[in-house]
N, C-alpha and C. Protein backbone atom coordinates (compact mmCIF):
# COMPACT_ATOMS: atom_id res chain seq x y z
N UNK A 1 -40.26 -4.61 56.14
CA UNK A 1 -39.28 -6.01 57.08
C UNK A 1 -38.34 -5.00 58.31
N UNK A 2 -38.11 -5.27 59.06
CA UNK A 2 -37.34 -5.09 60.26
C UNK A 2 -36.24 -5.66 60.05
N UNK A 3 -35.14 -4.14 60.20
CA UNK A 3 -33.99 -4.58 59.66
C UNK A 3 -33.42 -5.33 61.09
N UNK A 4 -32.52 -6.42 60.60
CA UNK A 4 -31.80 -7.13 61.71
C UNK A 4 -30.37 -6.45 61.89
N UNK A 5 -29.16 -5.96 62.82
CA UNK A 5 -27.82 -5.48 62.83
C UNK A 5 -27.23 -6.43 61.95
N UNK A 6 -26.32 -6.29 61.27
CA UNK A 6 -25.30 -7.26 60.11
C UNK A 6 -26.27 -8.24 59.52
N UNK A 7 -27.11 -8.12 59.17
CA UNK A 7 -28.57 -9.22 57.90
C UNK A 7 -28.30 -7.94 57.05
N UNK A 8 -27.47 -8.80 55.65
CA UNK A 8 -27.77 -7.77 54.66
C UNK A 8 -29.53 -8.11 53.84
N UNK A 9 -30.32 -7.15 53.06
CA UNK A 9 -31.11 -6.95 52.40
C UNK A 9 -30.77 -8.22 51.26
N UNK A 10 -30.05 -9.04 51.09
CA UNK A 10 -30.34 -10.55 50.20
C UNK A 10 -30.04 -11.98 51.78
N UNK A 11 -30.06 -11.04 52.47
CA UNK A 11 -30.58 -12.51 53.59
C UNK A 11 -31.69 -12.22 53.75
N UNK A 12 -32.27 -11.19 54.57
CA UNK A 12 -33.73 -11.22 54.69
C UNK A 12 -34.38 -11.41 53.33
N UNK A 13 -34.26 -11.25 52.49
CA UNK A 13 -34.87 -11.57 51.05
C UNK A 13 -34.78 -13.42 51.33
N UNK A 14 -33.42 -13.68 51.41
CA UNK A 14 -33.38 -15.38 51.29
C UNK A 14 -34.31 -15.99 52.27
N UNK A 15 -34.37 -15.19 53.14
CA UNK A 15 -35.75 -15.78 54.38
C UNK A 15 -36.83 -15.16 54.47
N UNK A 16 -37.22 -14.16 53.98
CA UNK A 16 -38.57 -14.35 53.52
C UNK A 16 -39.11 -15.12 52.41
N UNK A 17 -38.47 -15.46 51.53
CA UNK A 17 -38.49 -16.39 50.30
C UNK A 17 -38.33 -17.85 50.90
N UNK A 18 -37.66 -18.25 52.07
CA UNK A 18 -37.69 -19.28 52.44
C UNK A 18 -39.31 -19.46 53.69
N UNK A 19 -39.46 -18.68 54.14
CA UNK A 19 -40.48 -18.63 54.44
C UNK A 19 -41.86 -18.97 53.87
N UNK A 20 -41.96 -18.11 52.71
CA UNK A 20 -43.26 -18.41 51.63
C UNK A 20 -42.87 -20.00 51.24
N UNK A 21 -41.66 -20.33 50.54
CA UNK A 21 -41.79 -21.49 50.53
C UNK A 21 -41.74 -22.70 51.24
N UNK A 22 -41.92 -22.51 52.78
CA UNK A 22 -42.36 -23.38 53.75
C UNK A 22 -43.67 -23.77 53.34
N UNK A 23 -44.34 -22.10 53.63
CA UNK A 23 -46.01 -22.21 52.83
C UNK A 23 -46.53 -22.97 52.45
N UNK A 24 -45.67 -23.22 50.94
CA UNK A 24 -46.15 -23.99 50.09
C UNK A 24 -45.77 -24.90 50.05
N UNK A 25 -45.11 -26.07 51.49
CA UNK A 25 -45.10 -27.33 51.46
C UNK A 25 -46.32 -27.94 52.26
N UNK A 26 -47.57 -26.83 52.44
CA UNK A 26 -48.35 -27.47 53.23
C UNK A 26 -49.30 -27.74 52.28
N UNK A 27 -50.15 -28.53 52.80
CA UNK A 27 -51.06 -29.35 51.86
C UNK A 27 -52.51 -29.39 52.71
N UNK A 28 -52.86 -28.94 54.01
CA UNK A 28 -54.30 -28.89 54.13
C UNK A 28 -54.17 -28.13 54.96
N UNK A 29 -55.79 -27.45 55.51
CA UNK A 29 -55.99 -26.39 56.80
C UNK A 29 -55.35 -26.67 58.15
N UNK A 30 -55.26 -28.06 58.18
CA UNK A 30 -55.41 -28.42 59.51
C UNK A 30 -53.44 -28.18 59.52
N UNK A 31 -52.76 -28.38 58.56
CA UNK A 31 -51.29 -28.35 58.14
C UNK A 31 -51.16 -26.77 58.27
N UNK A 32 -51.99 -25.96 57.67
CA UNK A 32 -51.86 -24.82 57.56
C UNK A 32 -51.80 -23.84 59.12
N UNK A 33 -52.85 -24.35 59.77
CA UNK A 33 -53.19 -24.07 61.14
C UNK A 33 -52.35 -24.70 61.62
N UNK A 34 -51.73 -25.24 62.27
CA UNK A 34 -50.24 -26.07 62.93
C UNK A 34 -49.47 -25.38 62.41
N UNK A 35 -48.67 -24.99 61.54
CA UNK A 35 -47.58 -24.04 61.26
C UNK A 35 -47.95 -22.99 61.59
N UNK A 36 -48.97 -22.13 61.79
CA UNK A 36 -50.15 -20.42 61.52
C UNK A 36 -49.23 -20.34 63.06
N UNK A 37 -49.30 -21.43 63.78
CA UNK A 37 -50.63 -21.59 65.31
C UNK A 37 -48.52 -21.39 66.12
N UNK A 38 -47.68 -22.42 65.37
CA UNK A 38 -46.46 -21.99 65.37
C UNK A 38 -45.37 -20.88 65.73
N UNK A 39 -45.69 -20.79 64.23
CA UNK A 39 -45.25 -18.98 63.56
C UNK A 39 -45.82 -18.27 63.83
N UNK A 40 -46.85 -17.49 64.34
CA UNK A 40 -47.41 -16.37 65.53
C UNK A 40 -48.09 -16.65 66.81
N UNK A 41 -47.74 -15.39 67.52
CA UNK A 41 -48.54 -15.54 68.45
C UNK A 41 -49.93 -15.27 68.09
N UNK A 42 -50.66 -15.50 69.36
CA UNK A 42 -51.75 -15.37 69.26
C UNK A 42 -52.54 -13.95 68.94
N UNK A 43 -52.31 -13.31 69.04
CA UNK A 43 -52.40 -11.70 68.83
C UNK A 43 -52.27 -11.22 67.11
N UNK A 44 -50.74 -12.15 66.57
CA UNK A 44 -50.66 -11.74 65.54
C UNK A 44 -51.41 -12.58 64.38
N UNK A 45 -51.84 -13.98 64.29
CA UNK A 45 -52.45 -15.06 64.14
C UNK A 45 -54.48 -14.14 64.12
N UNK A 46 -54.31 -13.24 65.02
CA UNK A 46 -55.86 -13.10 65.13
C UNK A 46 -55.72 -11.84 64.16
N UNK A 47 -54.67 -10.69 64.50
CA UNK A 47 -54.90 -9.55 62.83
C UNK A 47 -55.14 -10.46 61.17
N UNK A 48 -53.96 -11.19 61.27
CA UNK A 48 -53.80 -11.90 60.31
C UNK A 48 -55.22 -11.99 59.26
N UNK A 49 -55.98 -13.06 60.63
CA UNK A 49 -57.10 -13.33 60.37
C UNK A 49 -58.34 -12.16 60.17
N UNK A 50 -58.17 -10.91 61.06
CA UNK A 50 -59.08 -10.24 60.78
C UNK A 50 -59.35 -9.29 59.20
N UNK A 51 -57.69 -9.47 59.50
CA UNK A 51 -57.26 -8.62 57.61
C UNK A 51 -58.10 -9.64 56.27
N UNK A 52 -58.15 -10.80 56.79
CA UNK A 52 -58.30 -11.95 55.56
C UNK A 52 -60.24 -11.72 55.97
N UNK A 53 -60.48 -11.29 57.22
CA UNK A 53 -61.93 -11.81 57.14
C UNK A 53 -62.89 -10.18 56.24
N UNK A 54 -61.93 -8.74 56.30
CA UNK A 54 -62.04 -7.84 55.69
C UNK A 54 -62.42 -7.74 54.30
N UNK A 55 -61.47 -8.48 53.67
CA UNK A 55 -61.55 -8.96 52.10
C UNK A 55 -62.70 -9.00 51.27
N UNK A 56 -63.72 -9.74 51.88
CA UNK A 56 -65.22 -10.42 51.14
C UNK A 56 -65.76 -9.60 51.34
N UNK A 57 -65.79 -8.77 52.57
CA UNK A 57 -67.03 -7.66 52.66
C UNK A 57 -66.71 -6.67 51.72
N UNK A 58 -65.22 -5.94 51.31
CA UNK A 58 -65.18 -5.51 51.02
C UNK A 58 -65.28 -5.53 49.10
N UNK A 59 -65.15 -6.39 48.96
CA UNK A 59 -65.25 -6.84 47.00
C UNK A 59 -66.93 -6.95 47.54
N UNK A 60 -67.86 -7.17 49.00
CA UNK A 60 -69.02 -6.94 47.88
C UNK A 60 -69.41 -5.42 48.29
N UNK A 61 -68.47 -4.41 48.72
CA UNK A 61 -68.66 -2.87 48.52
C UNK A 61 -69.46 -3.10 49.90
N UNK A 62 -69.55 -3.47 50.92
CA UNK A 62 -69.97 -2.67 52.00
C UNK A 62 -69.04 -1.82 52.46
N UNK A 63 -70.17 -0.45 53.10
CA UNK A 63 -69.23 0.71 53.63
C UNK A 63 -68.19 0.01 55.11
N UNK A 64 -66.99 0.43 55.15
CA UNK A 64 -66.42 0.47 56.55
C UNK A 64 -67.06 0.23 57.40
N UNK A 65 -68.28 1.11 58.11
CA UNK A 65 -68.90 0.64 59.41
C UNK A 65 -69.70 -0.44 58.90
N UNK A 66 -69.86 -0.39 58.34
CA UNK A 66 -70.56 -1.87 58.08
C UNK A 66 -70.05 -2.74 58.35
N UNK A 67 -68.69 -3.10 57.46
CA UNK A 67 -67.84 -4.12 57.82
C UNK A 67 -67.23 -4.39 59.26
N UNK A 68 -67.48 -2.94 59.89
CA UNK A 68 -66.66 -3.03 61.47
C UNK A 68 -67.62 -3.80 62.31
N UNK A 69 -69.09 -3.26 62.33
CA UNK A 69 -70.52 -3.54 62.50
C UNK A 69 -70.49 -5.23 62.41
N UNK A 70 -69.85 -6.30 61.94
CA UNK A 70 -70.11 -7.80 60.89
C UNK A 70 -68.87 -7.76 61.84
N UNK A 71 -67.69 -7.51 61.47
CA UNK A 71 -66.62 -7.83 62.14
C UNK A 71 -66.09 -7.64 63.29
N UNK A 72 -66.46 -6.14 63.82
CA UNK A 72 -65.31 -6.13 64.77
C UNK A 72 -64.13 -5.55 64.30
N UNK A 73 -63.78 -5.34 63.46
CA UNK A 73 -62.67 -5.40 63.06
C UNK A 73 -62.35 -3.77 63.00
N UNK A 74 -61.53 -2.49 63.60
CA UNK A 74 -61.12 -1.19 63.36
C UNK A 74 -61.52 -0.67 61.97
N UNK A 75 -61.64 0.36 61.95
CA UNK A 75 -61.81 1.26 60.91
C UNK A 75 -60.81 1.15 59.96
N UNK A 76 -59.69 1.66 60.63
CA UNK A 76 -58.25 1.93 60.30
C UNK A 76 -57.65 0.90 59.61
N UNK A 77 -58.00 -0.72 60.32
CA UNK A 77 -57.72 -1.93 59.44
C UNK A 77 -58.18 -1.98 58.32
N UNK A 78 -59.78 -1.91 58.69
CA UNK A 78 -60.04 -2.04 57.09
C UNK A 78 -59.55 -0.82 56.23
N UNK A 79 -59.86 0.21 55.90
CA UNK A 79 -58.38 1.18 55.30
C UNK A 79 -57.84 0.63 54.91
N UNK A 80 -56.36 0.07 55.84
CA UNK A 80 -55.47 -0.54 55.41
C UNK A 80 -55.73 -1.88 54.06
N UNK A 81 -57.17 -2.41 54.40
CA UNK A 81 -56.68 -4.01 53.66
C UNK A 81 -57.52 -2.97 52.47
N UNK A 82 -58.21 -1.91 52.64
CA UNK A 82 -58.97 -1.40 51.01
C UNK A 82 -57.81 -1.03 50.54
N UNK A 83 -56.90 -0.42 51.08
CA UNK A 83 -56.14 0.42 50.34
C UNK A 83 -54.70 -0.50 49.08
N UNK A 84 -54.57 -2.01 50.07
CA UNK A 84 -54.11 -2.98 49.46
C UNK A 84 -54.52 -3.58 48.41
N UNK A 85 -55.99 -3.52 48.53
CA UNK A 85 -57.11 -3.87 47.83
C UNK A 85 -56.81 -3.62 46.13
N UNK A 86 -56.67 -2.06 46.59
CA UNK A 86 -56.80 -1.84 45.24
C UNK A 86 -55.33 -1.06 44.68
N UNK A 87 -54.48 -1.08 45.61
CA UNK A 87 -53.17 -0.82 45.68
C UNK A 87 -51.87 -1.55 45.80
N UNK A 88 -52.16 -2.95 46.35
CA UNK A 88 -50.90 -3.84 47.44
C UNK A 88 -50.41 -4.74 45.85
N UNK A 89 -50.07 -5.54 46.07
CA UNK A 89 -48.92 -6.91 45.08
C UNK A 89 -50.20 -7.52 44.74
N UNK A 90 -51.55 -7.40 44.97
CA UNK A 90 -52.43 -8.82 43.83
C UNK A 90 -52.93 -10.35 45.05
N UNK A 91 -52.07 -9.86 46.11
CA UNK A 91 -52.29 -10.86 46.65
C UNK A 91 -53.78 -11.35 47.07
N UNK A 92 -54.54 -10.57 48.25
CA UNK A 92 -55.76 -10.77 48.13
C UNK A 92 -56.67 -11.17 46.90
N UNK A 93 -56.44 -10.37 46.04
CA UNK A 93 -57.53 -10.69 44.87
C UNK A 93 -57.03 -12.55 44.30
N UNK A 94 -56.04 -12.02 44.30
CA UNK A 94 -55.49 -14.42 43.98
C UNK A 94 -55.70 -14.65 44.88
N UNK A 95 -55.74 -15.14 45.83
CA UNK A 95 -56.53 -15.92 47.11
C UNK A 95 -57.84 -16.07 46.91
N UNK A 96 -58.50 -14.60 47.10
CA UNK A 96 -60.11 -14.93 47.00
C UNK A 96 -60.82 -15.21 45.86
N UNK A 97 -59.73 -14.88 44.66
CA UNK A 97 -60.56 -15.73 43.35
C UNK A 97 -60.75 -17.42 42.86
N UNK A 98 -59.22 -17.58 43.64
CA UNK A 98 -58.84 -19.19 44.09
C UNK A 98 -59.94 -19.58 44.45
N UNK A 99 -60.40 -19.20 45.94
CA UNK A 99 -61.26 -19.89 46.93
C UNK A 99 -62.14 -20.12 46.69
N UNK A 100 -62.82 -18.75 46.16
CA UNK A 100 -64.33 -19.02 45.42
C UNK A 100 -64.36 -19.87 44.05
N UNK A 101 -63.45 -20.17 43.10
CA UNK A 101 -63.41 -20.59 42.05
C UNK A 101 -63.28 -22.34 42.46
N UNK A 102 -62.92 -22.33 43.27
CA UNK A 102 -62.29 -24.09 44.56
C UNK A 102 -63.58 -24.35 45.20
N UNK A 103 -64.77 -23.16 45.61
CA UNK A 103 -65.80 -23.49 46.45
C UNK A 103 -66.74 -24.00 45.77
């Protein structure tokens, strides 16, 4: 997380927690879309969407180059997502499994 002058680690943690709490209040895809479009620049939102798009293909075992061909996402970004799928905090796995359960 970016360090701001005169902001303690505790204040940063509270700010991050507040953001996550705000996301949890959203009830529909349209509400989420509106929130994230207000929160993020178009480039930031595209970067998030690109990373999420890669998760499914990695879980299916596709090679990075094939995922790049399908999605247009850079091989570097695909590798980063793969690393977090393997050794991250489990967030991708939780969201992906819940989406598959609800479909």
